[in-house]
Protein backbone atom coordinates (compact mmCIF):
# COMPACT_ATOMS: atom_id res chain seq x y z
CA MET A 1 4.60 17.99 0.80
CA GLU A 2 1.98 19.83 -1.05
CA LYS A 3 4.22 23.10 -0.95
CA ILE A 4 7.28 21.02 -1.85
CA ALA A 5 5.47 19.75 -4.80
CA SER A 6 4.08 22.85 -6.10
CA LYS A 7 7.78 24.44 -5.87
CA LEU A 8 9.53 21.48 -7.86
CA THR A 9 6.22 21.65 -10.58
CA ASP A 10 6.73 25.52 -10.60
CA SER A 11 11.00 24.57 -11.79
CA ILE A 12 9.95 21.54 -14.19
CA TYR A 13 7.38 23.77 -15.71
CA LYS A 14 9.78 26.81 -16.06
CA ASN A 15 12.25 24.47 -17.69
CA ASN A 16 9.66 22.95 -20.06
CA PRO A 17 6.73 25.72 -20.12
CA ALA A 18 4.66 23.27 -23.36
CA LEU A 19 3.89 21.64 -20.00
CA THR A 20 0.17 21.47 -20.28
CA ASP A 21 -2.40 22.35 -16.74
CA LEU A 22 -2.94 18.75 -16.76
CA GLU A 23 -0.01 17.80 -17.49
CA LEU A 24 1.74 19.87 -14.58
CA LYS A 25 -1.48 18.21 -12.41
CA LYS A 26 -0.28 14.81 -12.83
CA ILE A 27 3.08 15.50 -12.45
CA LYS A 28 2.29 18.00 -8.58
CA PHE A 29 -0.04 14.94 -7.79
CA GLY A 30 2.98 12.13 -8.53
CA LEU A 31 5.39 13.86 -6.68
CA GLU A 32 3.24 14.62 -3.74
CA CYS A 33 2.54 10.80 -3.57
CA PHE A 34 6.01 10.36 -3.99
CA LEU A 35 7.65 12.54 -1.60
CA SER A 36 5.08 11.56 0.78
CA GLU A 37 5.68 7.54 0.45
CA ILE A 38 9.36 8.28 0.50
CA SER A 39 9.19 9.45 3.92
CA LYS A 40 6.97 7.96 5.79
CA ILE A 41 9.31 5.08 4.85
CA LEU A 42 12.63 6.50 5.96
CA ILE A 43 10.29 6.98 9.62
CA TYR A 44 9.51 4.30 9.88
CA PHE A 45 12.46 2.32 8.61
CA THR A 46 14.49 4.59 11.38
CA ILE A 47 12.12 3.72 14.40
CA PHE A 48 12.23 -0.47 13.54
CA ARG A 49 15.88 0.44 13.17
CA ILE A 50 16.06 1.34 16.72
CA PHE A 51 14.33 -1.53 18.13
CA SER A 52 16.16 -3.90 15.81
CA LEU A 53 13.46 -5.71 13.53
CA THR A 54 14.44 -3.86 10.26
CA LYS A 55 14.12 -7.06 8.58
CA TYR A 56 10.48 -7.65 9.42
CA PHE A 57 9.54 -4.58 8.47
CA LEU A 58 10.96 -4.80 4.93
CA LEU A 59 8.69 -8.25 4.96
CA ALA A 60 5.72 -6.44 5.85
CA LEU A 61 6.47 -3.36 3.47
CA PHE A 62 7.32 -4.76 0.46
CA PRO A 63 4.67 -7.47 -0.26
CA PHE A 64 1.66 -4.46 0.90
CA MET A 65 3.39 -1.99 -1.38
CA THR A 66 3.23 -4.61 -3.67
CA LEU A 67 0.40 -5.92 -3.75
CA ARG A 68 -1.53 -2.14 -3.08
CA ALA A 69 0.58 -0.60 -5.66
CA ALA A 70 -2.56 -2.76 -7.52
CA ALA A 71 -5.26 -3.47 -6.42
CA GLY A 72 -5.39 -0.03 -4.32
CA GLY A 73 -6.73 0.23 -0.68
CA TYR A 74 -8.11 2.99 2.09
CA HIS A 75 -6.56 6.31 2.25
CA GLU A 76 -6.52 8.68 4.49
CA LYS A 77 -6.89 12.54 3.66
CA THR A 78 -3.99 14.31 5.82
CA TYR A 79 -0.32 13.41 5.99
CA LEU A 80 -0.25 12.97 9.76
CA LYS A 81 -2.92 10.68 9.57
CA CYS A 82 -1.51 8.58 7.04
CA LEU A 83 1.95 8.62 8.94
CA ILE A 84 0.74 7.76 11.93
CA ASN A 85 -1.79 4.68 10.24
CA SER A 86 0.44 3.58 8.23
CA PHE A 87 2.78 3.24 11.18
CA ILE A 88 0.36 1.61 13.23
CA LEU A 89 -0.28 -1.23 10.24
CA MET A 90 3.28 -2.03 9.81
CA PHE A 91 4.05 -2.44 13.77
CA THR A 92 1.00 -4.18 13.81
CA ILE A 93 2.40 -6.70 10.55
CA VAL A 94 4.90 -6.43 12.53
CA LEU A 95 3.76 -7.69 15.78
CA ILE A 96 1.20 -10.21 14.10
CA GLY A 97 4.33 -12.35 12.29
CA ILE A 98 7.42 -12.18 14.85
CA LYS A 99 4.61 -12.97 18.44
CA THR A 100 2.03 -15.05 16.88
CA GLY A 101 2.63 -18.54 15.65
CA LEU A 102 0.04 -18.37 13.25
CA PRO A 103 -1.72 -21.77 13.24
CA MET A 104 -2.89 -23.55 9.90
CA TYR A 105 -6.13 -22.89 10.17
CA LEU A 106 -5.71 -18.94 11.26
CA LYS A 107 -3.71 -18.56 7.99
CA GLY A 108 -6.13 -20.46 6.05
CA ILE A 109 -8.75 -17.75 7.04
CA PHE A 110 -5.86 -14.86 6.03
CA ILE A 111 -6.04 -16.33 3.09
CA LEU A 112 -9.41 -17.02 2.35
CA LEU A 113 -10.56 -13.17 3.66
CA SER A 114 -7.73 -11.87 1.84
CA LEU A 115 -8.68 -13.60 -1.75
CA ALA A 116 -12.15 -12.27 -0.96
CA PHE A 117 -11.67 -8.81 -0.53
CA ILE A 118 -9.66 -8.71 -3.64
CA ILE A 119 -12.17 -10.15 -5.83
CA ILE A 120 -14.72 -8.10 -5.00
CA TYR A 121 -13.11 -5.18 -4.14
CA ALA A 122 -10.35 -4.62 -6.54
CA PRO A 123 -9.01 -2.16 -7.57
CA VAL A 124 -10.03 0.70 -5.31
CA ASP A 125 -8.93 3.83 -6.70
CA HIS A 126 -8.37 7.22 -4.92
CA TYR A 127 -10.85 10.01 -5.83
CA ASN A 128 -7.75 12.02 -7.21
CA LYS A 129 -6.94 9.16 -9.59
CA PRO A 130 -10.05 7.34 -10.32
CA ILE A 131 -9.32 4.24 -12.36
CA ILE A 132 -11.81 5.00 -15.68
CA SER A 133 -10.65 2.60 -18.33
CA LYS A 134 -12.97 -1.25 -17.98
CA ASP A 135 -9.69 -2.74 -19.16
CA ARG A 136 -7.23 -1.13 -16.92
CA ARG A 137 -9.62 -1.97 -13.47
CA ASN A 138 -9.67 -5.70 -14.83
CA ASN A 139 -5.88 -5.54 -15.10
CA LEU A 140 -5.43 -4.20 -11.68
CA LYS A 141 -8.09 -7.11 -10.50
CA PHE A 142 -6.35 -9.85 -12.48
CA THR A 143 -2.90 -8.13 -11.18
CA SER A 144 -3.50 -8.13 -7.78
CA ILE A 145 -5.19 -11.96 -7.67
CA GLY A 146 -1.62 -12.97 -9.40
CA ILE A 147 0.46 -10.59 -6.88
CA PHE A 148 -1.61 -12.34 -4.03
CA ILE A 149 -1.31 -15.98 -5.43
CA LEU A 150 2.59 -15.34 -5.74
CA LEU A 151 3.40 -13.73 -2.27
CA VAL A 152 0.71 -16.34 -0.31
CA LEU A 153 3.01 -19.47 -1.78
CA ILE A 154 6.10 -17.11 -0.43
CA GLY A 155 5.22 -16.91 2.93
CA ILE A 156 3.72 -20.36 3.20
CA PHE A 157 7.06 -21.29 1.64
CA LEU A 158 9.14 -19.66 3.91
CA GLY A 159 7.10 -20.66 7.16
CA GLY A 160 7.70 -19.27 10.02
CA LYS A 161 7.80 -15.53 11.71
CA LEU A 162 8.87 -14.60 8.08
CA GLY A 163 6.29 -16.02 6.33
CA ASN A 164 3.77 -14.81 9.00
CA THR A 165 5.14 -11.55 8.44
CA ILE A 166 4.15 -11.94 4.95
CA LEU A 167 1.41 -13.07 4.71
CA ALA A 168 -0.20 -10.92 8.02
CA SER A 169 1.06 -7.93 5.51
CA VAL A 170 -1.33 -9.73 2.62
CA PHE A 171 -4.16 -9.82 4.84
CA ILE A 172 -3.54 -6.41 6.53
CA GLU A 173 -3.48 -4.51 2.65
CA SER A 174 -5.92 -7.02 1.97
CA ALA A 175 -8.34 -5.99 4.54
CA THR A 176 -8.21 -2.42 3.88
CA LEU A 177 -9.50 -2.98 0.36
CA PRO A 178 -13.60 -2.80 2.36
CA LEU A 179 -12.38 0.88 4.11
CA GLY A 180 -11.03 2.33 0.81
CA TYR A 181 -14.09 1.25 -1.25
CA TYR A 182 -16.45 2.96 1.04
CA PHE A 183 -14.58 6.04 2.92
CA ASN A 184 -12.53 6.81 -0.28
CA LYS A 185 -15.21 8.43 -2.30
CA ARG A 186 -14.97 12.03 -2.37
CA LYS A 187 -18.53 13.24 -1.54
């Protein structure tokens, strides 16, 4: 992904040589992230489609990505580790959603733990893109809480396997926050 992003960034620079080094680094980082995410989603989509679990995969993916966009979370250091661990997370979410009849008390525990993780840790930034502004940090925290509330309400309203998948997605993403907080720091 880094090589592809570098080539694309070089092409962008050739068409716009007025870009600064910082702007080029931001463009390259953004392209790396975009290409990594798109390629992972396509691979996962293909795998879940083979097993006729596309609907549950999408129901796991969208809440996960929506909350993660504001709250952040744990990041692996390499693309391959990220690909494998993200697949394990998505598979776990889908499995919880379709194979377990989450009792109400367990849903309550998922919701309370998720909220606690968000309040305590969100937003968890990436070492390549730290959140410096206190206002931005506060806005992301409140946005994370708002997204959390919306997703939980949707999960409860839908109920059954669909609702369980959404609630599992919210819980698993929230559980990446303390991991990211403690392990994403570059030494």
